[in-house]
C-alpha atoms as a PDB file:
ATOM      1  CA  MET A   1     126.221 167.749 -46.980  1.00  0.00           C
ATOM      2  CA  PRO A   2     122.927 166.944 -44.447  1.00  0.00           C
ATOM      3  CA  LYS A   3     122.645 165.264 -41.168  1.00  0.00           C
ATOM      4  CA  SER A   4     122.599 161.996 -40.024  1.00  0.00           C
ATOM      5  CA  ASN A   5     120.429 162.401 -37.120  1.00  0.00           C
ATOM      6  CA  GLY A   6     117.813 164.810 -38.027  1.00  0.00           C
ATOM      7  CA  ILE A   7     118.067 167.230 -35.996  1.00  0.00           C
ATOM      8  CA  ARG A   8     119.093 171.054 -36.722  1.00  0.00           C
ATOM      9  CA  SER A   9     121.438 173.606 -35.298  1.00  0.00           C
ATOM     10  CA  PRO A  10     120.682 177.171 -34.771  1.00  0.00           C
ATOM     11  CA  GLY A  11     122.854 178.280 -37.975  1.00  0.00           C
ATOM     12  CA  ASP A  12     121.581 175.919 -40.671  1.00  0.00           C
ATOM     13  CA  SER A  13     117.863 176.798 -39.936  1.00  0.00           C
ATOM     14  CA  PHE A  14     119.549 180.639 -40.769  1.00  0.00           C
ATOM     15  CA  ARG A  15     121.050 179.770 -43.095  1.00  0.00           C
ATOM     16  CA  GLN A  16     118.197 177.877 -44.995  1.00  0.00           C
ATOM     17  CA  ALA A  17     115.936 180.988 -44.335  1.00  0.00           C
ATOM     18  CA  LEU A  18     118.651 183.354 -45.574  1.00  0.00           C
ATOM     19  CA  LEU A  19     118.683 181.173 -48.592  1.00  0.00           C
ATOM     20  CA  LEU A  20     114.972 181.132 -49.177  1.00  0.00           C
ATOM     21  CA  ARG A  21     114.772 184.692 -49.323  1.00  0.00           C
ATOM     22  CA  ALA A  22     117.910 184.946 -51.363  1.00  0.00           C
ATOM     23  CA  LEU A  23     116.950 181.954 -53.942  1.00  0.00           C
ATOM     24  CA  PRO A  24     112.927 182.162 -53.575  1.00  0.00           C
ATOM     25  CA  ARG A  25     112.342 179.706 -56.124  1.00  0.00           C
ATOM     26  CA  LEU A  26     114.608 177.194 -54.507  1.00  0.00           C
ATOM     27  CA  GLY A  27     110.557 176.777 -51.875  1.00  0.00           C
ATOM     28  CA  LYS A  28     109.658 174.984 -54.646  1.00  0.00           C
ATOM     29  CA  PHE A  29     112.554 172.294 -53.682  1.00  0.00           C
ATOM     30  CA  PRO A  30     111.224 169.105 -50.869  1.00  0.00           C
ATOM     31  CA  PRO A  31     113.435 170.607 -48.064  1.00  0.00           C
ATOM     32  CA  ALA A  32     115.134 167.612 -47.661  1.00  0.00           C
ATOM     33  CA  GLU A  33     116.027 168.196 -52.008  1.00  0.00           C
ATOM     34  CA  ARG A  34     116.768 171.422 -50.943  1.00  0.00           C
ATOM     35  CA  ASP A  35     121.103 171.158 -50.658  1.00  0.00           C
ATOM     36  CA  ALA A  36     121.109 168.657 -54.394  1.00  0.00           C
ATOM     37  CA  ALA A  37     118.967 171.285 -56.105  1.00  0.00           C
ATOM     38  CA  LEU A  38     121.604 173.852 -55.519  1.00  0.00           C
ATOM     39  CA  ALA A  39     124.369 172.095 -55.810  1.00  0.00           C
ATOM     40  CA  ARG A  40     123.243 171.131 -59.551  1.00  0.00           C
ATOM     41  CA  ALA A  41     121.875 174.992 -60.363  1.00  0.00           C
ATOM     42  CA  ARG A  42     125.310 176.505 -58.604  1.00  0.00           C
ATOM     43  CA  GLU A  43     126.968 174.288 -61.702  1.00  0.00           C
ATOM     44  CA  THR A  44     125.196 175.774 -64.509  1.00  0.00           C
ATOM     45  CA  ARG A  45     127.359 177.465 -67.269  1.00  0.00           C
ATOM     46  CA  PHE A  46     128.059 181.238 -67.035  1.00  0.00           C
ATOM     47  CA  ASP A  47     126.019 182.753 -70.806  1.00  0.00           C
ATOM     48  CA  LEU A  48     127.322 185.576 -71.778  1.00  0.00           C
ATOM     49  CA  ILE A  49     125.770 188.863 -70.438  1.00  0.00           C
ATOM     50  CA  GLU A  50     127.510 186.424 -67.170  1.00  0.00           C
ATOM     51  CA  TRP A  51     130.460 186.702 -68.459  1.00  0.00           C
ATOM     52  CA  ILE A  52     130.359 189.706 -69.746  1.00  0.00           C
ATOM     53  CA  GLY A  53     129.257 191.297 -66.286  1.00  0.00           C
ATOM     54  CA  VAL A  54     132.296 189.638 -64.539  1.00  0.00           C
ATOM     55  CA  LEU A  55     134.956 190.174 -66.916  1.00  0.00           C
ATOM     56  CA  ALA A  56     133.710 193.947 -66.751  1.00  0.00           C
ATOM     57  CA  GLY A  57     133.124 194.302 -62.966  1.00  0.00           C
ATOM     58  CA  VAL A  58     137.033 192.218 -62.598  1.00  0.00           C
ATOM     59  CA  VAL A  59     138.099 194.800 -64.840  1.00  0.00           C
ATOM     60  CA  PHE A  60     135.684 197.803 -63.016  1.00  0.00           C
ATOM     61  CA  VAL A  61     136.849 196.931 -59.637  1.00  0.00           C
ATOM     62  CA  THR A  62     140.854 196.485 -60.615  1.00  0.00           C
ATOM     63  CA  TRP A  63     140.882 199.636 -62.251  1.00  0.00           C
ATOM     64  CA  LEU A  64     139.632 201.328 -59.211  1.00  0.00           C
ATOM     65  CA  LEU A  65     141.968 199.921 -56.690  1.00  0.00           C
ATOM     66  CA  ARG A  66     145.449 201.152 -58.819  1.00  0.00           C
ATOM     67  CA  PHE A  67     147.838 202.338 -57.435  1.00  0.00           C
ATOM     68  CA  ASP A  68     149.097 206.250 -57.631  1.00  0.00           C
ATOM     69  CA  GLN A  69     152.031 207.450 -57.450  1.00  0.00           C
ATOM     70  CA  HIS A  70     151.987 208.502 -54.035  1.00  0.00           C
ATOM     71  CA  GLN A  71     150.274 205.861 -52.270  1.00  0.00           C
ATOM     72  CA  MET A  72     153.613 203.785 -54.153  1.00  0.00           C
ATOM     73  CA  ALA A  73     155.952 206.295 -52.050  1.00  0.00           C
ATOM     74  CA  ALA A  74     154.144 206.331 -48.704  1.00  0.00           C
ATOM     75  CA  PHE A  75     154.228 202.171 -47.976  1.00  0.00           C
ATOM     76  CA  SER A  76     155.721 198.949 -49.134  1.00  0.00           C
ATOM     77  CA  LEU A  77     154.259 197.201 -51.439  1.00  0.00           C
ATOM     78  CA  PRO A  78     153.066 193.488 -49.216  1.00  0.00           C
ATOM     79  CA  VAL A  79     150.547 196.859 -47.593  1.00  0.00           C
ATOM     80  CA  LEU A  80     148.974 198.107 -50.554  1.00  0.00           C
ATOM     81  CA  TYR A  81     148.816 194.800 -51.858  1.00  0.00           C
ATOM     82  CA  PHE A  82     147.063 193.876 -48.484  1.00  0.00           C
ATOM     83  CA  ALA A  83     144.658 196.789 -48.034  1.00  0.00           C
ATOM     84  CA  GLN A  84     143.909 196.482 -51.817  1.00  0.00           C
ATOM     85  CA  PHE A  85     143.112 192.737 -51.234  1.00  0.00           C
ATOM     86  CA  VAL A  86     140.847 193.624 -48.391  1.00  0.00           C
ATOM     87  CA  THR A  87     138.912 196.156 -50.629  1.00  0.00           C
ATOM     88  CA  ALA A  88     138.480 194.235 -53.598  1.00  0.00           C
ATOM     89  CA  ALA A  89     136.772 191.525 -51.895  1.00  0.00           C
ATOM     90  CA  PRO A  90     133.833 193.414 -50.524  1.00  0.00           C
ATOM     91  CA  LEU A  91     133.970 195.198 -53.694  1.00  0.00           C
ATOM     92  CA  LEU A  92     133.988 191.988 -55.474  1.00  0.00           C
ATOM     93  CA  LEU A  93     130.674 191.006 -54.387  1.00  0.00           C
ATOM     94  CA  LEU A  94     128.568 193.677 -54.853  1.00  0.00           C
ATOM     95  CA  VAL A  95     130.092 194.188 -58.310  1.00  0.00           C
ATOM     96  CA  VAL A  96     130.018 191.211 -59.805  1.00  0.00           C
ATOM     97  CA  GLY A  97     128.368 188.985 -56.809  1.00  0.00           C
ATOM     98  CA  PRO A  98     124.495 189.556 -58.622  1.00  0.00           C
ATOM     99  CA  PHE A  99     126.175 187.494 -61.930  1.00  0.00           C
ATOM    100  CA  TYR A 100     126.888 184.276 -60.024  1.00  0.00           C
ATOM    101  CA  TRP A 101     123.053 184.857 -58.156  1.00  0.00           C
ATOM    102  CA  ARG A 102     121.352 186.009 -61.912  1.00  0.00           C
ATOM    103  CA  CYS A 103     122.926 182.324 -62.976  1.00  0.00           C
ATOM    104  CA  THR A 104     122.504 180.317 -59.583  1.00  0.00           C
ATOM    105  CA  LEU A 105     118.504 181.736 -60.496  1.00  0.00           C
ATOM    106  CA  ARG A 106     118.379 180.683 -64.168  1.00  0.00           C
ATOM    107  CA  GLY A 107     119.829 176.885 -62.813  1.00  0.00           C
ATOM    108  CA  LEU A 108     116.993 176.956 -60.174  1.00  0.00           C
ATOM    109  CA  ASP A 109     114.850 177.216 -63.101  1.00  0.00           C
ATOM    110  CA  GLU A 110     117.203 174.564 -64.967  1.00  0.00           C
ATOM    111  CA  GLU A 111     115.487 172.078 -62.235  1.00  0.00           C
ATOM    112  CA  ILE A 112     112.510 172.739 -62.826  1.00  0.00           C
ATOM    113  CA  GLU A 113     111.838 172.175 -65.245  1.00  0.00           C
ATOM    114  CA  ARG A 114     113.641 169.318 -64.894  1.00  0.00           C
ATOM    115  CA  ARG A 115     111.394 167.964 -62.159  1.00  0.00           C
ATOM    116  CA  ARG A 116     108.813 168.846 -64.222  1.00  0.00           C
ATOM    117  CA  GLN A 117     110.049 167.121 -67.358  1.00  0.00           C
ATOM    118  CA  THR A 118     110.939 163.608 -65.385  1.00  0.00           C
ATOM    119  CA  ASP A 119     107.306 163.883 -63.518  1.00  0.00           C
ATOM    120  CA  PRO A 120     104.037 164.886 -65.634  1.00  0.00           C
ATOM    121  CA  SER A 121     101.637 165.333 -62.908  1.00  0.00           C
ATOM    122  CA  ARG A 122     103.282 168.241 -60.707  1.00  0.00           C
ATOM    123  CA  LYS A 123     101.198 170.783 -61.902  1.00  0.00           C
ATOM    124  CA  ARG A 124     102.869 174.094 -63.016  1.00  0.00           C
ATOM    125  CA  SER A 125     103.284 176.928 -60.635  1.00  0.00           C
END
């Protein structure tokens, strides 16, 4: 939620710079509308390719992090599960994250098109 006093912290500026670098289409929105446009873009449903990618990525990471008998004998289950969780988080970010990114980019494209349809005076860019 945006701050009401209009003063932006260095963290907000850094976050906005990262978002603009990762999602260049977000720059087509005025700064005051970016958070709302991004929230609407994140609500976009996955298409078939994204669903298949997410499911395949989760299966692949699960397969990579399976336990063998030697690990099961050497460590307790809570330690193994904790190590598996700590390893799975960055792997899922690398393997599945691009599909979420693609979906968000598609949602931003839909938001841009929706803005063009509601205000026909906007030129195509």
